Amino acid sequence: MSTDDRTIVAGLPIPEFKHIGVEPISGACGAEISGVDLRNPLPPETLEEILLAFEHFLVIVFRDQDLTPEQHKAFSLHFGEITEIPQAPTYDGHRDMQEVRREADEPENVVPSFENFHTDSPFLLRPPLGIVMRALAVPKFGGDTAFSNAYLVYENLSDGMKELVDGLQIVYSGKHIWANNEKLPPEKRLRLRESHDFQEDELENIHPAVRVHPRTGRKALFANTAYFQRFVGWSEEESRALLNYLQSLAQRLHYHCRVRWKKDTLIVWDNRFLLHRGVHDFKYERRHLIRTTLKGERPLGPSDFPPAK
C-alpha cells in the first residue's frame, strides 16, 4: 500500500506496506491484516510491518488463526511483556490469559462489558499497553467489538478545552469491584476473577486525563467512566459533569471502527490510545473470547513534556 495518494486513516497518512496485506476498516482506526500465518515464526520484515500497522491503526485484525495458547502467547510477546490483571477470570489454568465468556443461557451483564467506551484497568500504576484477543466461539450474528480513537477525540477539542484537560489528573480505583459485585443479586453479578495477588494499594492510582505517546508525542484523551472516581481537586459532582461531556464525544461514529468476530479471528488493540466496548446485541448464543494482556508504561501527561526553550 502506497502513500502516493496521501490516504488518511486514524488521522495520519497510511504508511507503505510491502510484506503484509492491509485493508483499513474505517477512516478512524482499524485494519485487517492478510498474508500472515501466526502459527509460524514471522520474518523480521513481516513483523516490523505488523508492529507499524499496530501503531498506526491502533487495532489490527487477523482472520483464521487457529492457535494454541502457547502460540497465542508467543505472538503476544512481539508487542510487549504479558501481565496479569486482577479482575478478569483466567482461562483454562493459564494465569497469564483471561477469558471473556457468556453462555447461551446467561444474561449479558455477566460479562464486565461497560455501557460506555473504556480502557481496560486504568486503575493500575501501569495500565495495559494492549490486548491480544482470539475468538473460540461467537454468535452467528452480533457480538462485535467497537473501538473509538482517543487521539481523534482529543484532537477535535477546542483550544480552550484542550488547555483545561491538559492540566487535569484522574483518580482511578478498582478497590471496590468485588465488594460491589457481592451486593448485587446473583443473577446480576459479573463474572470476576475469584482471587489475585495484587495488594489493595495497587488497585488505585492517579493518571493524567490526557495521555502522551512516549515516542511520537501525540496526545489522546485518557478520561473514561470505567473505574473513574474524580478529577484531582474537583468535587465528584463537578467531575461527573465534565466526564459525561468528554465521554459523549467518544460515542461519535466518525471516531469508530467495529470488528465482527468469526471463529479464530485474532485482534490486537492499543489500550492506551483507543477506547473499546463489546456489543451485546445477541441472545441465546455462546460468545467465548480468550486474551493476553500486555504490560504498559506508566501514563505520561503533557506536564511530562515541558515546552522547548
C-alpha atoms as a PDB file:
ATOM      1  CA  MET A   1       0.000   0.000   0.000  1.00  0.00           C
ATOM      2  CA  SER A   2       1.466   3.335  -1.038  1.00  0.00           C
ATOM      3  CA  THR A   3       1.158   6.834   0.397  1.00  0.00           C
ATOM      4  CA  ASP A   4       1.170   8.355  -3.092  1.00  0.00           C
ATOM      5  CA  ASP A   5      -2.479   9.321  -2.763  1.00  0.00           C
ATOM      6  CA  ARG A   6      -1.908  10.511   0.847  1.00  0.00           C
ATOM      7  CA  THR A   7      -4.835   8.463   2.105  1.00  0.00           C
ATOM      8  CA  ILE A   8      -5.607   9.454   5.696  1.00  0.00           C
ATOM      9  CA  VAL A   9      -6.707   6.856   8.245  1.00  0.00           C
ATOM     10  CA  ALA A  10      -6.589   7.348  12.024  1.00  0.00           C
ATOM     11  CA  GLY A  11      -5.680  10.986  11.449  1.00  0.00           C
ATOM     12  CA  LEU A  12      -2.408  10.337   9.597  1.00  0.00           C
ATOM     13  CA  PRO A  13      -1.252   9.243   6.108  1.00  0.00           C
ATOM     14  CA  ILE A  14      -1.132   5.460   5.748  1.00  0.00           C
ATOM     15  CA  PRO A  15       2.433   4.066   5.754  1.00  0.00           C
ATOM     16  CA  GLU A  16       3.684   1.859   2.932  1.00  0.00           C
ATOM     17  CA  PHE A  17       3.377  -1.910   3.421  1.00  0.00           C
ATOM     18  CA  LYS A  18       5.219  -4.405   1.184  1.00  0.00           C
ATOM     19  CA  HIS A  19       5.143  -7.674   3.142  1.00  0.00           C
ATOM     20  CA  ILE A  20       1.580  -7.856   4.523  1.00  0.00           C
ATOM     21  CA  GLY A  21      -1.844  -7.092   3.161  1.00  0.00           C
ATOM     22  CA  VAL A  22      -3.542  -4.160   4.910  1.00  0.00           C
ATOM     23  CA  GLU A  23      -7.211  -3.243   4.462  1.00  0.00           C
ATOM     24  CA  PRO A  24      -8.436  -0.317   6.619  1.00  0.00           C
ATOM     25  CA  ILE A  25     -11.756  -0.922   8.398  1.00  0.00           C
ATOM     26  CA  SER A  26     -12.786   2.721   8.720  1.00  0.00           C
ATOM     27  CA  GLY A  27     -11.324   6.174   8.347  1.00  0.00           C
ATOM     28  CA  ALA A  28     -10.929   6.447  12.117  1.00  0.00           C
ATOM     29  CA  CYS A  29      -8.998   3.306  13.093  1.00  0.00           C
ATOM     30  CA  GLY A  30      -8.602  -0.399  12.472  1.00  0.00           C
ATOM     31  CA  ALA A  31      -7.230  -2.583   9.685  1.00  0.00           C
ATOM     32  CA  GLU A  32      -7.468  -6.218   8.616  1.00  0.00           C
ATOM     33  CA  ILE A  33      -4.089  -7.859   8.032  1.00  0.00           C
ATOM     34  CA  SER A  34      -3.707 -10.678   5.487  1.00  0.00           C
ATOM     35  CA  GLY A  35      -0.928 -12.885   4.206  1.00  0.00           C
ATOM     36  CA  VAL A  36       0.232 -13.949   7.681  1.00  0.00           C
ATOM     37  CA  ASP A  37       0.078 -17.316   9.490  1.00  0.00           C
ATOM     38  CA  LEU A  38       0.688 -16.606  13.176  1.00  0.00           C
ATOM     39  CA  ARG A  39       1.419 -20.274  13.918  1.00  0.00           C
ATOM     40  CA  ASN A  40       4.800 -19.899  12.187  1.00  0.00           C
ATOM     41  CA  PRO A  41       7.838 -17.753  13.033  1.00  0.00           C
ATOM     42  CA  LEU A  42       7.495 -14.317  11.470  1.00  0.00           C
ATOM     43  CA  PRO A  43      10.225 -12.983   9.172  1.00  0.00           C
ATOM     44  CA  PRO A  44      11.730  -9.767  10.600  1.00  0.00           C
ATOM     45  CA  GLU A  45      10.415  -7.599   7.768  1.00  0.00           C
ATOM     46  CA  THR A  46       6.884  -9.004   8.227  1.00  0.00           C
ATOM     47  CA  LEU A  47       6.957  -8.454  11.989  1.00  0.00           C
ATOM     48  CA  GLU A  48       8.231  -4.914  11.502  1.00  0.00           C
ATOM     49  CA  GLU A  49       5.248  -4.101   9.294  1.00  0.00           C
ATOM     50  CA  ILE A  50       2.767  -5.729  11.698  1.00  0.00           C
ATOM     51  CA  LEU A  51       4.110  -3.540  14.518  1.00  0.00           C
ATOM     52  CA  LEU A  52       3.916  -0.489  12.254  1.00  0.00           C
ATOM     53  CA  ALA A  53       0.294  -1.314  11.395  1.00  0.00           C
ATOM     54  CA  PHE A  54      -0.500  -1.702  15.103  1.00  0.00           C
ATOM     55  CA  GLU A  55       0.931   1.724  15.914  1.00  0.00           C
ATOM     56  CA  HIS A  56      -0.839   3.411  13.019  1.00  0.00           C
ATOM     57  CA  PHE A  57      -4.289   1.769  13.016  1.00  0.00           C
ATOM     58  CA  LEU A  58      -4.440   1.039  16.788  1.00  0.00           C
ATOM     59  CA  VAL A  59      -6.409  -2.176  16.218  1.00  0.00           C
ATOM     60  CA  ILE A  60      -5.345  -4.885  13.775  1.00  0.00           C
ATOM     61  CA  VAL A  61      -7.365  -7.958  12.824  1.00  0.00           C
ATOM     62  CA  PHE A  62      -6.125 -11.381  11.684  1.00  0.00           C
ATOM     63  CA  ARG A  63      -8.591 -13.981  10.396  1.00  0.00           C
ATOM     64  CA  ASP A  64      -8.411 -17.796  10.528  1.00  0.00           C
ATOM     65  CA  GLN A  65      -5.696 -18.074  13.185  1.00  0.00           C
ATOM     66  CA  ASP A  66      -6.148 -21.446  14.902  1.00  0.00           C
ATOM     67  CA  LEU A  67      -3.564 -21.035  17.662  1.00  0.00           C
ATOM     68  CA  THR A  68      -2.677 -22.987  20.758  1.00  0.00           C
ATOM     69  CA  PRO A  69      -2.450 -20.937  23.984  1.00  0.00           C
ATOM     70  CA  GLU A  70       1.350 -21.101  23.737  1.00  0.00           C
ATOM     71  CA  GLN A  71       1.287 -19.820  20.148  1.00  0.00           C
ATOM     72  CA  HIS A  72      -1.084 -17.048  21.240  1.00  0.00           C
ATOM     73  CA  LYS A  73       1.353 -16.034  23.980  1.00  0.00           C
ATOM     74  CA  ALA A  74       4.370 -16.242  21.661  1.00  0.00           C
ATOM     75  CA  PHE A  75       2.756 -13.842  19.198  1.00  0.00           C
ATOM     76  CA  SER A  76       1.703 -11.512  22.036  1.00  0.00           C
ATOM     77  CA  LEU A  77       5.313 -11.169  23.192  1.00  0.00           C
ATOM     78  CA  HIS A  78       6.177  -9.331  19.970  1.00  0.00           C
ATOM     79  CA  PHE A  79       4.153  -6.380  21.317  1.00  0.00           C
ATOM     80  CA  GLY A  80       5.348  -6.407  24.915  1.00  0.00           C
ATOM     81  CA  GLU A  81       5.513  -8.241  28.228  1.00  0.00           C
ATOM     82  CA  ILE A  82       2.451 -10.339  29.172  1.00  0.00           C
ATOM     83  CA  THR A  83       0.931  -9.405  32.517  1.00  0.00           C
ATOM     84  CA  GLU A  84      -1.908 -10.466  34.804  1.00  0.00           C
ATOM     85  CA  ILE A  85      -4.852  -8.258  35.732  1.00  0.00           C
ATOM     86  CA  PRO A  86      -6.785  -8.693  38.977  1.00  0.00           C
ATOM     87  CA  GLN A  87     -10.414  -8.677  37.850  1.00  0.00           C
ATOM     88  CA  ALA A  88     -10.799 -10.766  34.667  1.00  0.00           C
ATOM     89  CA  PRO A  89     -11.276 -14.570  35.013  1.00  0.00           C
ATOM     90  CA  THR A  90      -8.289 -16.625  33.919  1.00  0.00           C
ATOM     91  CA  TYR A  91      -8.513 -19.124  31.060  1.00  0.00           C
ATOM     92  CA  ASP A  92      -8.103 -22.883  31.495  1.00  0.00           C
ATOM     93  CA  GLY A  93      -5.403 -22.798  34.165  1.00  0.00           C
ATOM     94  CA  HIS A  94      -3.323 -20.108  32.420  1.00  0.00           C
ATOM     95  CA  ARG A  95      -2.777 -17.341  34.967  1.00  0.00           C
ATOM     96  CA  ASP A  96      -1.443 -15.102  32.208  1.00  0.00           C
ATOM     97  CA  MET A  97      -4.511 -15.466  29.964  1.00  0.00           C
ATOM     98  CA  GLN A  98      -8.037 -14.220  30.559  1.00  0.00           C
ATOM     99  CA  GLU A  99     -11.406 -15.119  29.098  1.00  0.00           C
ATOM    100  CA  VAL A 100     -14.490 -13.136  28.183  1.00  0.00           C
ATOM    101  CA  ARG A 101     -17.318 -15.668  28.203  1.00  0.00           C
ATOM    102  CA  ARG A 102     -21.086 -15.541  28.027  1.00  0.00           C
ATOM    103  CA  GLU A 103     -23.014 -18.799  27.789  1.00  0.00           C
ATOM    104  CA  ALA A 104     -26.198 -19.054  25.756  1.00  0.00           C
ATOM    105  CA  ASP A 105     -28.410 -19.096  28.866  1.00  0.00           C
ATOM    106  CA  GLU A 106     -26.646 -16.223  30.673  1.00  0.00           C
ATOM    107  CA  PRO A 107     -27.689 -12.558  30.832  1.00  0.00           C
ATOM    108  CA  GLU A 108     -25.465 -10.024  29.116  1.00  0.00           C
ATOM    109  CA  ASN A 109     -24.451  -8.421  32.411  1.00  0.00           C
ATOM    110  CA  VAL A 110     -22.363 -11.495  33.365  1.00  0.00           C
ATOM    111  CA  VAL A 111     -19.548 -10.045  31.226  1.00  0.00           C
ATOM    112  CA  PRO A 112     -17.854  -6.926  32.635  1.00  0.00           C
ATOM    113  CA  SER A 113     -18.740  -5.006  29.475  1.00  0.00           C
ATOM    114  CA  PHE A 114     -19.272  -1.380  30.294  1.00  0.00           C
ATOM    115  CA  GLU A 115     -22.072   0.504  28.574  1.00  0.00           C
ATOM    116  CA  ASN A 116     -19.625   3.204  27.506  1.00  0.00           C
ATOM    117  CA  PHE A 117     -16.353   3.073  25.641  1.00  0.00           C
ATOM    118  CA  HIS A 118     -13.491   2.475  28.068  1.00  0.00           C
ATOM    119  CA  THR A 119      -9.881   1.429  28.518  1.00  0.00           C
ATOM    120  CA  ASP A 120      -9.025  -1.705  30.494  1.00  0.00           C
ATOM    121  CA  SER A 121      -7.690  -1.488  34.055  1.00  0.00           C
ATOM    122  CA  PRO A 122      -6.796   2.240  34.192  1.00  0.00           C
ATOM    123  CA  PHE A 123      -6.547   1.906  37.999  1.00  0.00           C
ATOM    124  CA  LEU A 124      -3.216   0.061  37.727  1.00  0.00           C
ATOM    125  CA  LEU A 125       0.039   2.001  38.044  1.00  0.00           C
ATOM    126  CA  ARG A 126       0.962   0.704  34.590  1.00  0.00           C
ATOM    127  CA  PRO A 127      -2.342   0.143  32.759  1.00  0.00           C
ATOM    128  CA  PRO A 128      -2.195  -2.366  29.899  1.00  0.00           C
ATOM    129  CA  LEU A 129      -0.416  -1.376  26.709  1.00  0.00           C
ATOM    130  CA  GLY A 130      -2.735  -3.562  24.693  1.00  0.00           C
ATOM    131  CA  ILE A 131      -4.836  -6.681  24.414  1.00  0.00           C
ATOM    132  CA  VAL A 132      -4.372  -9.716  22.136  1.00  0.00           C
ATOM    133  CA  MET A 133      -7.742 -11.472  21.875  1.00  0.00           C
ATOM    134  CA  ARG A 134      -8.924 -14.517  19.894  1.00  0.00           C
ATOM    135  CA  ALA A 135     -12.418 -15.924  19.351  1.00  0.00           C
ATOM    136  CA  LEU A 136     -13.175 -19.534  20.270  1.00  0.00           C
ATOM    137  CA  ALA A 137     -16.961 -19.315  19.824  1.00  0.00           C
ATOM    138  CA  VAL A 138     -19.115 -16.482  18.521  1.00  0.00           C
ATOM    139  CA  PRO A 139     -22.795 -15.836  17.752  1.00  0.00           C
ATOM    140  CA  LYS A 140     -23.969 -16.250  14.170  1.00  0.00           C
ATOM    141  CA  PHE A 141     -24.727 -12.529  14.160  1.00  0.00           C
ATOM    142  CA  GLY A 142     -23.794  -9.733  16.536  1.00  0.00           C
ATOM    143  CA  GLY A 143     -21.386  -9.681  19.447  1.00  0.00           C
ATOM    144  CA  ASP A 144     -18.983  -7.306  17.694  1.00  0.00           C
ATOM    145  CA  THR A 145     -16.361  -5.230  19.475  1.00  0.00           C
ATOM    146  CA  ALA A 146     -16.406  -1.499  18.724  1.00  0.00           C
ATOM    147  CA  PHE A 147     -13.481   0.902  19.074  1.00  0.00           C
ATOM    148  CA  SER A 148     -13.140   4.679  19.374  1.00  0.00           C
ATOM    149  CA  ASN A 149      -9.937   6.576  18.549  1.00  0.00           C
ATOM    150  CA  ALA A 150      -8.981   8.659  21.611  1.00  0.00           C
ATOM    151  CA  TYR A 151      -6.373  10.596  19.614  1.00  0.00           C
ATOM    152  CA  LEU A 152      -9.112  11.956  17.370  1.00  0.00           C
ATOM    153  CA  VAL A 153     -11.377  12.757  20.323  1.00  0.00           C
ATOM    154  CA  TYR A 154      -8.640  14.923  21.823  1.00  0.00           C
ATOM    155  CA  GLU A 155      -7.510  16.492  18.551  1.00  0.00           C
ATOM    156  CA  ASN A 156     -11.025  17.716  17.793  1.00  0.00           C
ATOM    157  CA  LEU A 157     -11.463  19.505  21.136  1.00  0.00           C
ATOM    158  CA  SER A 158     -11.412  23.303  21.170  1.00  0.00           C
ATOM    159  CA  ASP A 159      -8.184  25.005  22.199  1.00  0.00           C
ATOM    160  CA  GLY A 160      -9.802  26.081  25.459  1.00  0.00           C
ATOM    161  CA  MET A 161     -10.931  22.570  26.332  1.00  0.00           C
ATOM    162  CA  LYS A 162      -7.512  21.158  25.436  1.00  0.00           C
ATOM    163  CA  GLU A 163      -5.894  23.640  27.804  1.00  0.00           C
ATOM    164  CA  LEU A 164      -8.287  22.583  30.586  1.00  0.00           C
ATOM    165  CA  VAL A 165      -7.924  18.809  30.220  1.00  0.00           C
ATOM    166  CA  ASP A 166      -4.153  19.039  29.645  1.00  0.00           C
ATOM    167  CA  GLY A 167      -3.837  20.101  33.275  1.00  0.00           C
ATOM    168  CA  LEU A 168      -6.184  17.534  34.827  1.00  0.00           C
ATOM    169  CA  GLN A 169      -5.407  14.319  36.673  1.00  0.00           C
ATOM    170  CA  ILE A 170      -7.826  11.483  37.459  1.00  0.00           C
ATOM    171  CA  VAL A 171      -8.202   9.135  40.408  1.00  0.00           C
ATOM    172  CA  TYR A 172      -8.983   5.649  39.060  1.00  0.00           C
ATOM    173  CA  SER A 173      -9.825   2.884  41.533  1.00  0.00           C
ATOM    174  CA  GLY A 174     -10.566  -0.829  41.298  1.00  0.00           C
ATOM    175  CA  LYS A 175     -10.655  -1.398  45.065  1.00  0.00           C
ATOM    176  CA  HIS A 176     -14.398  -1.936  45.336  1.00  0.00           C
ATOM    177  CA  ILE A 177     -15.123  -4.178  42.319  1.00  0.00           C
ATOM    178  CA  TRP A 178     -15.625  -7.386  44.292  1.00  0.00           C
ATOM    179  CA  ALA A 179     -17.494  -5.851  47.257  1.00  0.00           C
ATOM    180  CA  ASN A 180     -19.886  -4.044  44.923  1.00  0.00           C
ATOM    181  CA  ASN A 181     -20.427  -7.244  42.945  1.00  0.00           C
ATOM    182  CA  GLU A 182     -21.339  -9.199  46.083  1.00  0.00           C
ATOM    183  CA  LYS A 183     -24.050  -6.664  46.897  1.00  0.00           C
ATOM    184  CA  LEU A 184     -25.882  -7.462  43.651  1.00  0.00           C
ATOM    185  CA  PRO A 185     -28.484 -10.230  43.313  1.00  0.00           C
ATOM    186  CA  PRO A 186     -26.837 -13.431  41.982  1.00  0.00           C
ATOM    187  CA  GLU A 187     -28.462 -13.053  38.557  1.00  0.00           C
ATOM    188  CA  LYS A 188     -26.948  -9.563  38.119  1.00  0.00           C
ATOM    189  CA  ARG A 189     -23.386 -10.297  39.185  1.00  0.00           C
ATOM    190  CA  LEU A 190     -20.383 -10.012  36.888  1.00  0.00           C
ATOM    191  CA  ARG A 191     -18.088 -12.963  36.245  1.00  0.00           C
ATOM    192  CA  LEU A 192     -14.911 -11.845  38.031  1.00  0.00           C
ATOM    193  CA  ARG A 193     -11.627 -13.488  38.921  1.00  0.00           C
ATOM    194  CA  GLU A 194     -12.042 -15.134  42.331  1.00  0.00           C
ATOM    195  CA  SER A 195      -8.592 -14.338  43.736  1.00  0.00           C
ATOM    196  CA  HIS A 196      -5.416 -12.468  42.786  1.00  0.00           C
ATOM    197  CA  ASP A 197      -2.042 -11.432  44.201  1.00  0.00           C
ATOM    198  CA  PHE A 198      -2.441  -7.654  43.892  1.00  0.00           C
ATOM    199  CA  GLN A 199      -2.226  -5.549  47.065  1.00  0.00           C
ATOM    200  CA  GLU A 200      -5.096  -3.135  47.768  1.00  0.00           C
ATOM    201  CA  ASP A 201      -2.894  -0.075  47.295  1.00  0.00           C
ATOM    202  CA  GLU A 202      -2.033  -1.327  43.791  1.00  0.00           C
ATOM    203  CA  LEU A 203      -5.703  -1.020  42.775  1.00  0.00           C
ATOM    204  CA  GLU A 204      -5.897   2.784  42.934  1.00  0.00           C
ATOM    205  CA  ASN A 205      -3.726   5.312  41.096  1.00  0.00           C
ATOM    206  CA  ILE A 206      -3.722   8.835  39.713  1.00  0.00           C
ATOM    207  CA  HIS A 207      -3.161   9.348  35.980  1.00  0.00           C
ATOM    208  CA  PRO A 208      -3.256  12.302  33.570  1.00  0.00           C
ATOM    209  CA  ALA A 209      -6.547  12.998  31.779  1.00  0.00           C
ATOM    210  CA  VAL A 210      -4.544  13.445  28.571  1.00  0.00           C
ATOM    211  CA  ARG A 211      -2.060  10.714  27.710  1.00  0.00           C
ATOM    212  CA  VAL A 212       1.004  11.362  25.537  1.00  0.00           C
ATOM    213  CA  HIS A 213       2.611   8.671  23.394  1.00  0.00           C
ATOM    214  CA  PRO A 214       6.140   8.181  24.809  1.00  0.00           C
ATOM    215  CA  ARG A 215       7.777   8.066  21.370  1.00  0.00           C
ATOM    216  CA  THR A 216       5.653  10.171  18.993  1.00  0.00           C
ATOM    217  CA  GLY A 217       4.388  12.778  21.476  1.00  0.00           C
ATOM    218  CA  ARG A 218       0.848  12.519  20.080  1.00  0.00           C
ATOM    219  CA  LYS A 219      -1.890  13.286  22.640  1.00  0.00           C
ATOM    220  CA  ALA A 220      -5.086  11.333  23.367  1.00  0.00           C
ATOM    221  CA  LEU A 221      -7.910  11.721  25.862  1.00  0.00           C
ATOM    222  CA  PHE A 222      -7.442   9.276  28.754  1.00  0.00           C
ATOM    223  CA  ALA A 223     -10.686  10.004  30.643  1.00  0.00           C
ATOM    224  CA  ASN A 224     -13.438   7.379  30.738  1.00  0.00           C
ATOM    225  CA  THR A 225     -16.126   6.168  33.131  1.00  0.00           C
ATOM    226  CA  ALA A 226     -14.587   2.749  33.915  1.00  0.00           C
ATOM    227  CA  TYR A 227     -13.192   2.902  37.466  1.00  0.00           C
ATOM    228  CA  PHE A 228     -13.323   6.736  37.426  1.00  0.00           C
ATOM    229  CA  GLN A 229     -13.575   8.397  40.832  1.00  0.00           C
ATOM    230  CA  ARG A 230     -12.945  12.112  40.271  1.00  0.00           C
ATOM    231  CA  PHE A 231     -10.614  14.692  38.816  1.00  0.00           C
ATOM    232  CA  VAL A 232      -7.951  15.657  41.351  1.00  0.00           C
ATOM    233  CA  GLY A 233      -9.021  18.845  43.150  1.00  0.00           C
ATOM    234  CA  TRP A 234     -12.608  18.655  41.837  1.00  0.00           C
ATOM    235  CA  SER A 235     -15.776  17.554  43.604  1.00  0.00           C
ATOM    236  CA  GLU A 236     -17.477  14.362  42.458  1.00  0.00           C
ATOM    237  CA  GLU A 237     -20.406  16.360  41.054  1.00  0.00           C
ATOM    238  CA  GLU A 238     -18.120  18.666  39.058  1.00  0.00           C
ATOM    239  CA  SER A 239     -16.039  15.709  37.890  1.00  0.00           C
ATOM    240  CA  ARG A 240     -19.039  13.738  36.628  1.00  0.00           C
ATOM    241  CA  ALA A 241     -20.384  16.720  34.698  1.00  0.00           C
ATOM    242  CA  LEU A 242     -17.161  17.162  32.735  1.00  0.00           C
ATOM    243  CA  LEU A 243     -16.577  13.426  32.367  1.00  0.00           C
ATOM    244  CA  ASN A 244     -20.069  12.882  30.942  1.00  0.00           C
ATOM    245  CA  TYR A 245     -19.373  15.514  28.286  1.00  0.00           C
ATOM    246  CA  LEU A 246     -15.991  14.049  27.376  1.00  0.00           C
ATOM    247  CA  GLN A 247     -17.450  10.525  27.331  1.00  0.00           C
ATOM    248  CA  SER A 248     -20.203  11.667  24.963  1.00  0.00           C
ATOM    249  CA  LEU A 249     -17.581  12.720  22.419  1.00  0.00           C
ATOM    250  CA  ALA A 250     -16.175   9.189  22.253  1.00  0.00           C
ATOM    251  CA  GLN A 251     -19.612   7.923  21.155  1.00  0.00           C
ATOM    252  CA  ARG A 252     -19.447   9.846  17.857  1.00  0.00           C
ATOM    253  CA  LEU A 253     -19.461   7.434  14.948  1.00  0.00           C
ATOM    254  CA  HIS A 254     -16.759   9.206  12.933  1.00  0.00           C
ATOM    255  CA  TYR A 255     -14.200   8.161  15.589  1.00  0.00           C
ATOM    256  CA  HIS A 256     -15.174   4.477  15.375  1.00  0.00           C
ATOM    257  CA  CYS A 257     -14.493   1.152  13.773  1.00  0.00           C
ATOM    258  CA  ARG A 258     -16.291  -2.095  14.527  1.00  0.00           C
ATOM    259  CA  VAL A 259     -14.858  -5.611  14.273  1.00  0.00           C
ATOM    260  CA  ARG A 260     -17.096  -8.556  13.508  1.00  0.00           C
ATOM    261  CA  TRP A 261     -15.855 -11.680  15.216  1.00  0.00           C
ATOM    262  CA  LYS A 262     -15.550 -15.037  13.475  1.00  0.00           C
ATOM    263  CA  LYS A 263     -14.102 -18.215  14.967  1.00  0.00           C
ATOM    264  CA  ASP A 264     -10.292 -17.944  15.116  1.00  0.00           C
ATOM    265  CA  THR A 265     -10.300 -14.201  14.486  1.00  0.00           C
ATOM    266  CA  LEU A 266      -7.461 -12.608  16.459  1.00  0.00           C
ATOM    267  CA  ILE A 267      -7.256  -8.896  17.152  1.00  0.00           C
ATOM    268  CA  VAL A 268      -4.625  -6.732  18.812  1.00  0.00           C
ATOM    269  CA  TRP A 269      -5.604  -3.309  20.097  1.00  0.00           C
ATOM    270  CA  ASP A 270      -3.801  -0.434  21.771  1.00  0.00           C
ATOM    271  CA  ASN A 271      -5.408   0.034  25.181  1.00  0.00           C
ATOM    272  CA  ARG A 272      -3.611   3.335  25.790  1.00  0.00           C
ATOM    273  CA  PHE A 273      -4.958   5.408  22.920  1.00  0.00           C
ATOM    274  CA  LEU A 274      -8.073   3.501  21.894  1.00  0.00           C
ATOM    275  CA  LEU A 275     -11.387   3.004  23.704  1.00  0.00           C
ATOM    276  CA  HIS A 276     -13.441  -0.154  23.228  1.00  0.00           C
ATOM    277  CA  ARG A 277     -16.693  -1.862  24.164  1.00  0.00           C
ATOM    278  CA  GLY A 278     -18.409  -5.160  23.462  1.00  0.00           C
ATOM    279  CA  VAL A 279     -21.749  -5.024  21.672  1.00  0.00           C
ATOM    280  CA  HIS A 280     -24.102  -7.485  23.391  1.00  0.00           C
ATOM    281  CA  ASP A 281     -26.855  -7.441  20.770  1.00  0.00           C
ATOM    282  CA  PHE A 282     -27.323 -11.232  20.660  1.00  0.00           C
ATOM    283  CA  LYS A 283     -29.358 -13.716  22.693  1.00  0.00           C
ATOM    284  CA  TYR A 284     -29.337 -17.493  23.327  1.00  0.00           C
ATOM    285  CA  GLU A 285     -25.893 -17.983  21.778  1.00  0.00           C
ATOM    286  CA  ARG A 286     -22.413 -18.506  23.194  1.00  0.00           C
ATOM    287  CA  ARG A 287     -19.605 -15.967  22.920  1.00  0.00           C
ATOM    288  CA  HIS A 288     -16.177 -17.036  24.180  1.00  0.00           C
ATOM    289  CA  LEU A 289     -13.055 -14.952  23.681  1.00  0.00           C
ATOM    290  CA  ILE A 290      -9.609 -15.511  25.207  1.00  0.00           C
ATOM    291  CA  ARG A 291      -6.881 -12.918  25.624  1.00  0.00           C
ATOM    292  CA  THR A 292      -3.461 -11.949  26.832  1.00  0.00           C
ATOM    293  CA  THR A 293      -2.833  -8.545  28.388  1.00  0.00           C
ATOM    294  CA  LEU A 294       0.335  -6.562  27.637  1.00  0.00           C
ATOM    295  CA  LYS A 295       2.007  -4.532  30.367  1.00  0.00           C
ATOM    296  CA  GLY A 296       2.140  -0.820  29.603  1.00  0.00           C
ATOM    297  CA  GLU A 297       4.256   2.082  30.762  1.00  0.00           C
ATOM    298  CA  ARG A 298       3.132   4.494  33.458  1.00  0.00           C
ATOM    299  CA  PRO A 299       0.935   7.024  31.600  1.00  0.00           C
ATOM    300  CA  LEU A 300       2.719  10.218  30.611  1.00  0.00           C
ATOM    301  CA  GLY A 301       0.851  13.515  30.506  1.00  0.00           C
ATOM    302  CA  PRO A 302       1.567  16.947  28.979  1.00  0.00           C
ATOM    303  CA  SER A 303       3.408  18.033  32.144  1.00  0.00           C
ATOM    304  CA  ASP A 304       5.990  15.301  31.465  1.00  0.00           C
ATOM    305  CA  PHE A 305       6.941  17.090  28.240  1.00  0.00           C
ATOM    306  CA  PRO A 306       7.888  20.683  29.137  1.00  0.00           C
ATOM    307  CA  PRO A 307       7.881  23.099  26.198  1.00  0.00           C
ATOM    308  CA  ALA A 308      11.202  23.536  24.441  1.00  0.00           C
ATOM    309  CA  LYS A 309      13.072  26.722  25.289  1.00  0.00           C
END
